[in-house]
Every structure is written in structure tokens, then in C-alpha cells.
């Protein structure tokens, strides 16, 4: 369907609350709830979203869906595991909707090079590392496509 015909025939395009409907759809509001609240059909919502490529925009906004799960975690039956999984996923998705794997890496050679003679001796004789050694972590971020 062409965009001119769609906008002419679409109940959402001519709706006084069009902007709110689209914003809430993009924020992962349930199409069933939107249909009830704005007195339109779910089919109309899906047809409108398809005509305007709102599904693509919505998919990049997964963080919004996860925020809802996290906010309502104590009020729903998803359980602790589901809530922790949502928090973990939320922490790995950046603002562009890309999954980011965060890993910590340590270059042990550089750390040993920083150790003083006394610290190296303590490590060699007692196996004791200095306090600063164990606290030192170099985080790096890797994007997963």
C-alpha cells in the first residue's frame, strides 16, 4: 500500500492521539492495550506500524521493553531468574540497540613490570601479591553483531 493511500485510509493517521499511539508502540506498549485505550483495532495498529516501518524502530528500542520488565519485576510472576536475566540483558544493550559484550582483561606482564623488587621477592618466596595487583583490572568493550 502506498503511503498516501495509507494515510488517507488509516484510522491512526487521522487520530487526534496519533503521536501518543506511535510513541507508546515504539516503547513496547501492548497493541491490545493501545487498541482498547484509543478505541482502534489491533489490526489497525499492526497495519499502521507496518506501513510506517515502526517495527524496525521498535526493535532497536529493546531497552524500553526490558525497562518495563525490570520496573514491574516485583509485581509480575516472572520470578527472580527472569528479573536477573532482564537486568543482565539491559546492561548489555547500548542506546542504539546493539548487544555489547563487556569483558575485563589484565595484562599480567605489565602488572609484574610495575612490581617493586620487594613485591617481586614477596611473590617469589611467599606467593603473596601486592594489594594493588589484585584490584587492577583493565576493562574492554567488544560489540557483538
N, C-alpha and C. Protein backbone atom coordinates (compact mmCIF):
# COMPACT_ATOMS: atom_id res chain seq x y z
N UNK A 1 0.85 -1.17 0.00
CA UNK A 1 0.00 0.00 0.00
C UNK A 1 0.90 1.25 0.00
N UNK A 2 0.60 2.22 -0.87
CA UNK A 2 1.42 3.43 -0.90
C UNK A 2 1.10 4.32 0.29
N UNK A 3 2.05 5.18 0.66
CA UNK A 3 1.91 5.98 1.88
C UNK A 3 0.75 6.97 1.80
N UNK A 4 0.47 7.50 0.63
CA UNK A 4 -0.65 8.46 0.50
C UNK A 4 -1.98 7.76 0.75
N UNK A 5 -2.14 6.59 0.15
CA UNK A 5 -3.38 5.83 0.36
C UNK A 5 -3.50 5.40 1.81
N UNK A 6 -2.37 4.95 2.37
CA UNK A 6 -2.39 4.55 3.77
C UNK A 6 -2.85 5.70 4.67
N UNK A 7 -2.21 6.84 4.53
CA UNK A 7 -2.55 7.97 5.41
C UNK A 7 -4.01 8.42 5.23
N UNK A 8 -4.53 8.26 4.03
CA UNK A 8 -5.93 8.65 3.77
C UNK A 8 -6.90 7.67 4.43
N UNK A 9 -6.56 6.37 4.41
CA UNK A 9 -7.47 5.33 4.90
C UNK A 9 -7.20 4.89 6.34
N UNK A 10 -6.12 5.34 6.94
CA UNK A 10 -5.70 4.84 8.24
C UNK A 10 -6.38 5.59 9.40
N UNK A 11 -6.95 4.81 10.31
CA UNK A 11 -7.61 5.40 11.49
C UNK A 11 -6.60 6.02 12.45
N UNK A 12 -5.38 5.55 12.44
CA UNK A 12 -4.36 6.12 13.33
C UNK A 12 -3.82 7.42 12.76
N UNK A 13 -3.57 7.44 11.44
CA UNK A 13 -3.04 8.67 10.82
C UNK A 13 -3.96 9.86 11.04
N UNK A 14 -5.26 9.61 11.11
CA UNK A 14 -6.21 10.71 11.32
C UNK A 14 -6.63 10.85 12.78
N UNK A 15 -6.09 10.04 13.64
CA UNK A 15 -6.44 10.05 15.06
C UNK A 15 -5.81 11.25 15.77
N UNK A 16 -6.56 11.87 16.66
CA UNK A 16 -6.05 13.04 17.39
C UNK A 16 -4.88 12.68 18.32
N UNK A 17 -4.76 11.41 18.68
CA UNK A 17 -3.69 10.94 19.57
C UNK A 17 -2.63 10.13 18.82
N UNK A 18 -2.51 10.36 17.52
CA UNK A 18 -1.57 9.58 16.69
C UNK A 18 -0.16 9.54 17.29
N UNK A 19 0.35 10.70 17.67
CA UNK A 19 1.72 10.76 18.19
C UNK A 19 1.87 9.89 19.44
N UNK A 20 0.89 9.95 20.33
CA UNK A 20 0.96 9.13 21.55
C UNK A 20 0.88 7.64 21.24
N UNK A 21 0.05 7.29 20.29
CA UNK A 21 -0.08 5.88 19.90
C UNK A 21 1.26 5.37 19.37
N UNK A 22 1.88 6.13 18.49
CA UNK A 22 3.16 5.72 17.91
C UNK A 22 4.27 5.66 18.96
N UNK A 23 4.33 6.66 19.83
CA UNK A 23 5.36 6.69 20.88
C UNK A 23 5.21 5.48 21.79
N UNK A 24 4.00 5.19 22.19
CA UNK A 24 3.78 4.05 23.08
C UNK A 24 4.03 2.72 22.38
N UNK A 25 3.70 2.63 21.11
CA UNK A 25 4.01 1.41 20.35
C UNK A 25 5.51 1.20 20.30
N UNK A 26 6.25 2.27 20.02
CA UNK A 26 7.71 2.18 19.95
C UNK A 26 8.33 1.84 21.31
N UNK A 27 7.62 2.19 22.39
CA UNK A 27 8.09 1.89 23.74
C UNK A 27 7.59 0.52 24.21
N UNK A 28 7.14 -0.31 23.27
CA UNK A 28 6.72 -1.67 23.53
C UNK A 28 5.43 -1.80 24.35
N UNK A 29 4.57 -0.82 24.24
CA UNK A 29 3.26 -0.95 24.87
C UNK A 29 2.49 -2.03 24.11
N UNK A 30 1.69 -2.77 24.80
CA UNK A 30 0.91 -3.85 24.19
C UNK A 30 -0.08 -3.29 23.17
N UNK A 31 -0.07 -3.81 21.93
CA UNK A 31 -1.05 -3.36 20.93
C UNK A 31 -2.48 -3.59 21.40
N UNK A 32 -2.71 -4.63 22.19
CA UNK A 32 -4.05 -4.87 22.71
C UNK A 32 -4.48 -3.74 23.64
N UNK A 33 -3.57 -3.32 24.53
CA UNK A 33 -3.88 -2.20 25.43
C UNK A 33 -4.06 -0.90 24.65
N UNK A 34 -3.20 -0.68 23.66
CA UNK A 34 -3.33 0.53 22.84
C UNK A 34 -4.68 0.54 22.13
N UNK A 35 -5.07 -0.59 21.58
CA UNK A 35 -6.35 -0.69 20.86
C UNK A 35 -7.51 -0.35 21.79
N UNK A 36 -7.48 -0.91 22.99
CA UNK A 36 -8.55 -0.63 23.95
C UNK A 36 -8.58 0.84 24.35
N UNK A 37 -7.40 1.36 24.70
CA UNK A 37 -7.32 2.73 25.21
C UNK A 37 -7.69 3.77 24.16
N UNK A 38 -7.27 3.56 22.93
CA UNK A 38 -7.52 4.55 21.89
C UNK A 38 -8.69 4.19 20.98
N UNK A 39 -9.40 3.12 21.32
CA UNK A 39 -10.60 2.69 20.61
C UNK A 39 -10.35 2.48 19.11
N UNK A 40 -9.33 1.70 18.85
CA UNK A 40 -8.98 1.28 17.49
C UNK A 40 -8.69 -0.21 17.53
N UNK A 41 -8.62 -0.85 16.38
CA UNK A 41 -8.38 -2.30 16.38
C UNK A 41 -6.88 -2.60 16.41
N UNK A 42 -6.57 -3.77 16.94
CA UNK A 42 -5.17 -4.23 16.92
C UNK A 42 -4.68 -4.34 15.48
N UNK A 43 -5.54 -4.79 14.61
CA UNK A 43 -5.18 -4.93 13.20
C UNK A 43 -4.77 -3.58 12.62
N UNK A 44 -5.50 -2.52 12.99
CA UNK A 44 -5.17 -1.17 12.52
C UNK A 44 -3.79 -0.76 13.02
N UNK A 45 -3.49 -1.08 14.26
CA UNK A 45 -2.18 -0.75 14.83
C UNK A 45 -1.08 -1.46 14.05
N UNK A 46 -1.25 -2.75 13.81
CA UNK A 46 -0.24 -3.52 13.07
C UNK A 46 -0.11 -3.03 11.63
N UNK A 47 -1.23 -2.70 10.99
CA UNK A 47 -1.18 -2.21 9.62
C UNK A 47 -0.44 -0.87 9.56
N UNK A 48 -0.75 0.02 10.51
CA UNK A 48 -0.09 1.34 10.58
C UNK A 48 1.40 1.17 10.84
N UNK A 49 1.74 0.33 11.79
CA UNK A 49 3.15 0.09 12.14
C UNK A 49 3.92 -0.47 10.94
N UNK A 50 3.29 -1.35 10.22
CA UNK A 50 3.93 -1.94 9.04
C UNK A 50 4.12 -0.90 7.94
N UNK A 51 3.11 -0.09 7.69
CA UNK A 51 3.18 0.92 6.63
C UNK A 51 4.26 1.96 6.91
N UNK A 52 4.49 2.26 8.19
CA UNK A 52 5.46 3.30 8.55
C UNK A 52 6.79 2.74 9.05
N UNK A 53 7.01 1.45 8.88
CA UNK A 53 8.24 0.78 9.34
C UNK A 53 8.51 1.00 10.83
N UNK A 54 7.46 1.01 11.62
CA UNK A 54 7.62 1.20 13.06
C UNK A 54 8.19 -0.05 13.74
N UNK A 55 8.02 -1.21 13.11
CA UNK A 55 8.57 -2.43 13.70
C UNK A 55 10.09 -2.35 13.77
N UNK A 56 10.71 -1.83 12.74
CA UNK A 56 12.17 -1.68 12.72
C UNK A 56 12.63 -0.75 13.84
N UNK A 57 11.96 0.38 13.98
CA UNK A 57 12.31 1.32 15.05
C UNK A 57 12.08 0.69 16.41
N UNK A 58 10.99 -0.03 16.53
CA UNK A 58 10.65 -0.67 17.81
C UNK A 58 11.70 -1.70 18.19
N UNK A 59 12.17 -2.46 17.21
CA UNK A 59 13.16 -3.50 17.52
C UNK A 59 14.47 -2.91 18.02
N UNK A 60 14.78 -1.69 17.60
CA UNK A 60 16.00 -1.04 18.10
C UNK A 60 15.80 -0.49 19.51
N UNK A 61 14.57 -0.53 19.99
CA UNK A 61 14.24 0.02 21.31
C UNK A 61 13.95 -1.10 22.32
N UNK A 62 14.71 -2.16 22.25
CA UNK A 62 14.52 -3.30 23.15
C UNK A 62 14.74 -2.89 24.60
N UNK A 63 15.60 -1.91 24.82
CA UNK A 63 15.86 -1.45 26.20
C UNK A 63 14.56 -0.99 26.87
N UNK A 64 13.67 -0.40 26.11
CA UNK A 64 12.40 0.06 26.68
C UNK A 64 11.58 -1.12 27.20
N UNK A 65 11.54 -2.19 26.44
CA UNK A 65 10.80 -3.38 26.88
C UNK A 65 11.43 -3.96 28.14
N UNK A 66 12.75 -4.00 28.16
CA UNK A 66 13.45 -4.53 29.34
C UNK A 66 13.22 -3.64 30.56
N UNK A 67 13.18 -2.32 30.33
CA UNK A 67 12.91 -1.41 31.45
C UNK A 67 11.56 -1.71 32.08
N UNK A 68 10.56 -1.98 31.25
CA UNK A 68 9.23 -2.31 31.78
C UNK A 68 9.27 -3.59 32.61
N UNK A 69 9.99 -4.58 32.12
CA UNK A 69 10.11 -5.85 32.87
C UNK A 69 10.79 -5.61 34.21
N UNK A 70 11.87 -4.83 34.18
CA UNK A 70 12.61 -4.57 35.41
C UNK A 70 11.77 -3.76 36.40
N UNK A 71 11.11 -2.72 35.90
CA UNK A 71 10.28 -1.87 36.77
C UNK A 71 9.15 -2.65 37.43
N UNK A 72 8.57 -3.57 36.69
CA UNK A 72 7.42 -4.33 37.20
C UNK A 72 7.81 -5.70 37.73
N UNK A 73 9.11 -5.94 37.87
CA UNK A 73 9.61 -7.25 38.26
C UNK A 73 8.99 -7.80 39.52
N UNK A 74 8.80 -6.96 40.52
CA UNK A 74 8.23 -7.42 41.79
C UNK A 74 6.72 -7.62 41.70
N UNK A 75 6.10 -7.05 40.68
CA UNK A 75 4.64 -7.12 40.55
C UNK A 75 4.19 -8.25 39.63
N UNK A 76 5.13 -8.91 38.96
CA UNK A 76 4.76 -9.93 37.99
C UNK A 76 5.22 -11.30 38.44
N UNK A 77 4.86 -12.29 37.68
CA UNK A 77 5.21 -13.67 38.02
C UNK A 77 6.45 -14.14 37.27
N UNK A 78 7.31 -13.22 36.81
CA UNK A 78 8.48 -13.65 36.04
C UNK A 78 9.53 -14.31 36.93
N UNK A 79 9.51 -14.02 38.20
CA UNK A 79 10.44 -14.64 39.14
C UNK A 79 11.81 -13.98 39.14
N UNK A 80 12.61 -14.39 40.10
CA UNK A 80 13.93 -13.79 40.29
C UNK A 80 14.85 -14.04 39.10
N UNK A 81 14.82 -15.25 38.56
CA UNK A 81 15.68 -15.56 37.42
C UNK A 81 15.34 -14.69 36.22
N UNK A 82 14.06 -14.54 35.95
CA UNK A 82 13.63 -13.71 34.82
C UNK A 82 14.04 -12.25 35.01
N UNK A 83 13.90 -11.78 36.23
CA UNK A 83 14.27 -10.39 36.53
C UNK A 83 15.78 -10.18 36.38
N UNK A 84 16.57 -11.12 36.90
CA UNK A 84 18.02 -11.02 36.77
C UNK A 84 18.43 -11.09 35.30
N UNK A 85 17.79 -11.97 34.54
CA UNK A 85 18.10 -12.07 33.10
C UNK A 85 17.77 -10.77 32.38
N UNK A 86 16.66 -10.13 32.75
CA UNK A 86 16.29 -8.85 32.13
C UNK A 86 17.30 -7.77 32.47
N UNK A 87 17.74 -7.73 33.72
CA UNK A 87 18.74 -6.74 34.14
C UNK A 87 20.05 -6.99 33.40
N UNK A 88 20.46 -8.25 33.29
CA UNK A 88 21.70 -8.59 32.59
C UNK A 88 21.61 -8.18 31.11
N UNK A 89 20.51 -8.51 30.47
CA UNK A 89 20.34 -8.13 29.06
C UNK A 89 20.34 -6.62 28.90
N UNK A 90 19.64 -5.93 29.79
CA UNK A 90 19.57 -4.46 29.74
C UNK A 90 20.97 -3.85 29.83
N UNK A 91 21.81 -4.43 30.67
CA UNK A 91 23.16 -3.89 30.84
C UNK A 91 24.06 -4.11 29.63
N UNK A 92 23.65 -5.02 28.74
CA UNK A 92 24.48 -5.34 27.58
C UNK A 92 23.98 -4.72 26.27
N UNK A 93 22.88 -3.98 26.32
CA UNK A 93 22.35 -3.35 25.11
C UNK A 93 22.60 -1.86 25.19
N UNK A 94 23.27 -1.32 24.17
CA UNK A 94 23.57 0.11 24.19
C UNK A 94 22.37 0.92 23.68
N UNK A 95 22.51 2.23 23.65
CA UNK A 95 21.39 3.10 23.28
C UNK A 95 20.98 2.96 21.82
N UNK A 96 21.83 2.37 20.98
CA UNK A 96 21.46 2.12 19.58
C UNK A 96 20.83 0.75 19.39
N UNK A 97 20.63 0.02 20.48
CA UNK A 97 20.01 -1.29 20.41
C UNK A 97 20.98 -2.41 20.06
N UNK A 98 22.27 -2.15 20.13
CA UNK A 98 23.27 -3.17 19.83
C UNK A 98 23.71 -3.88 21.10
N UNK A 99 23.91 -5.18 20.97
CA UNK A 99 24.37 -6.02 22.09
C UNK A 99 25.87 -5.78 22.26
N UNK A 100 26.28 -5.44 23.47
CA UNK A 100 27.68 -5.17 23.77
C UNK A 100 28.15 -6.18 24.81
N UNK A 101 29.19 -6.93 24.47
CA UNK A 101 29.80 -7.85 25.45
C UNK A 101 30.90 -7.08 26.17
N UNK A 102 30.81 -7.03 27.45
CA UNK A 102 31.84 -6.36 28.24
C UNK A 102 32.73 -7.44 28.87
N UNK A 103 34.01 -7.29 28.69
CA UNK A 103 34.96 -8.24 29.27
C UNK A 103 36.06 -7.49 29.96
N UNK A 104 36.57 -8.07 31.00
CA UNK A 104 37.71 -7.49 31.70
C UNK A 104 38.94 -8.28 31.32
N UNK A 105 40.00 -7.57 30.99
CA UNK A 105 41.26 -8.22 30.64
C UNK A 105 42.39 -7.62 31.46
N UNK A 106 43.37 -8.42 31.74
CA UNK A 106 44.52 -7.97 32.51
C UNK A 106 45.77 -8.42 31.78
N UNK A 107 46.70 -7.49 31.57
CA UNK A 107 47.99 -7.83 31.01
C UNK A 107 48.93 -8.10 32.19
N UNK A 108 49.12 -9.38 32.47
CA UNK A 108 49.92 -9.76 33.64
C UNK A 108 51.38 -9.31 33.52
N UNK A 109 51.92 -9.32 32.32
CA UNK A 109 53.31 -8.87 32.14
C UNK A 109 53.48 -7.41 32.60
N UNK A 110 52.52 -6.56 32.21
CA UNK A 110 52.60 -5.15 32.62
C UNK A 110 52.49 -5.01 34.13
N UNK A 111 51.64 -5.82 34.75
CA UNK A 111 51.48 -5.75 36.20
C UNK A 111 52.75 -6.21 36.92
N UNK A 112 53.34 -7.29 36.45
CA UNK A 112 54.59 -7.74 37.07
C UNK A 112 55.71 -6.71 36.86
N UNK A 113 55.71 -6.04 35.70
CA UNK A 113 56.71 -5.00 35.45
C UNK A 113 56.57 -3.83 36.42
N UNK A 114 55.36 -3.59 36.90
CA UNK A 114 55.13 -2.49 37.85
C UNK A 114 55.53 -2.84 39.27
N UNK A 115 55.72 -4.11 39.55
CA UNK A 115 56.03 -4.53 40.92
C UNK A 115 57.45 -4.11 41.30
N UNK A 116 57.57 -3.69 42.55
CA UNK A 116 58.90 -3.32 43.07
C UNK A 116 59.70 -4.59 43.35
N UNK A 117 60.99 -4.42 43.64
CA UNK A 117 61.85 -5.57 43.98
C UNK A 117 61.31 -6.31 45.20
N UNK A 118 60.86 -5.53 46.22
CA UNK A 118 60.33 -6.15 47.45
C UNK A 118 59.06 -6.95 47.14
N UNK A 119 58.19 -6.40 46.31
CA UNK A 119 56.94 -7.09 45.96
C UNK A 119 57.24 -8.36 45.16
N UNK A 120 58.18 -8.28 44.23
CA UNK A 120 58.57 -9.47 43.46
C UNK A 120 59.16 -10.54 44.37
N UNK A 121 59.98 -10.14 45.34
CA UNK A 121 60.59 -11.08 46.29
C UNK A 121 59.51 -11.75 47.14
N UNK A 122 58.53 -10.94 47.62
CA UNK A 122 57.43 -11.49 48.43
C UNK A 122 56.62 -12.49 47.61
N UNK A 123 56.41 -12.19 46.35
CA UNK A 123 55.67 -13.11 45.49
C UNK A 123 56.46 -14.40 45.25
N UNK A 124 57.77 -14.25 45.01
CA UNK A 124 58.60 -15.42 44.73
C UNK A 124 58.74 -16.33 45.94
N UNK A 125 58.84 -15.76 47.13
CA UNK A 125 59.08 -16.58 48.32
C UNK A 125 57.80 -17.01 49.03
N UNK A 126 56.78 -16.14 49.03
CA UNK A 126 55.55 -16.42 49.78
C UNK A 126 54.31 -16.60 48.90
N UNK A 127 54.47 -16.29 47.62
CA UNK A 127 53.30 -16.34 46.73
C UNK A 127 52.33 -15.22 46.99
N UNK A 128 52.78 -14.15 47.69
CA UNK A 128 51.92 -13.04 48.07
C UNK A 128 51.99 -11.92 47.02
N UNK A 129 50.82 -11.58 46.49
CA UNK A 129 50.73 -10.46 45.56
C UNK A 129 50.42 -9.18 46.31
N UNK A 130 50.89 -8.04 45.83
CA UNK A 130 50.56 -6.78 46.50
C UNK A 130 49.06 -6.48 46.36
N UNK A 131 48.50 -5.72 47.31
CA UNK A 131 47.07 -5.39 47.29
C UNK A 131 46.65 -4.73 45.98
N UNK A 132 47.46 -3.80 45.48
CA UNK A 132 47.08 -3.08 44.26
C UNK A 132 47.01 -4.00 43.05
N UNK A 133 47.78 -5.09 43.06
CA UNK A 133 47.84 -6.02 41.93
C UNK A 133 46.46 -6.63 41.66
N UNK A 134 45.81 -7.11 42.70
CA UNK A 134 44.53 -7.78 42.55
C UNK A 134 43.38 -6.82 42.27
N UNK A 135 43.53 -5.55 42.60
CA UNK A 135 42.48 -4.56 42.32
C UNK A 135 42.57 -4.00 40.90
N UNK A 136 43.69 -4.23 40.24
CA UNK A 136 43.91 -3.64 38.93
C UNK A 136 43.26 -4.49 37.84
N UNK A 137 42.31 -3.89 37.14
CA UNK A 137 41.62 -4.56 36.04
C UNK A 137 41.47 -3.54 34.91
N UNK A 138 41.75 -3.97 33.70
CA UNK A 138 41.61 -3.11 32.55
C UNK A 138 40.39 -3.58 31.76
N UNK A 139 39.24 -2.85 31.89
CA UNK A 139 38.04 -3.29 31.16
C UNK A 139 38.15 -2.95 29.67
N UNK A 140 37.58 -3.81 28.86
CA UNK A 140 37.47 -3.51 27.44
C UNK A 140 36.07 -3.90 26.99
N UNK A 141 35.59 -3.25 25.97
CA UNK A 141 34.25 -3.49 25.45
C UNK A 141 34.35 -4.01 24.03
N UNK A 142 33.60 -5.06 23.75
CA UNK A 142 33.57 -5.65 22.41
C UNK A 142 32.13 -5.71 21.95
N UNK A 143 31.84 -5.17 20.76
CA UNK A 143 30.49 -5.24 20.22
C UNK A 143 30.27 -6.56 19.54
N UNK A 144 29.11 -7.15 19.76
CA UNK A 144 28.72 -8.36 19.07
C UNK A 144 27.70 -7.99 18.02
N UNK A 145 27.88 -8.42 16.83
CA UNK A 145 26.93 -8.09 15.74
C UNK A 145 25.98 -9.25 15.57
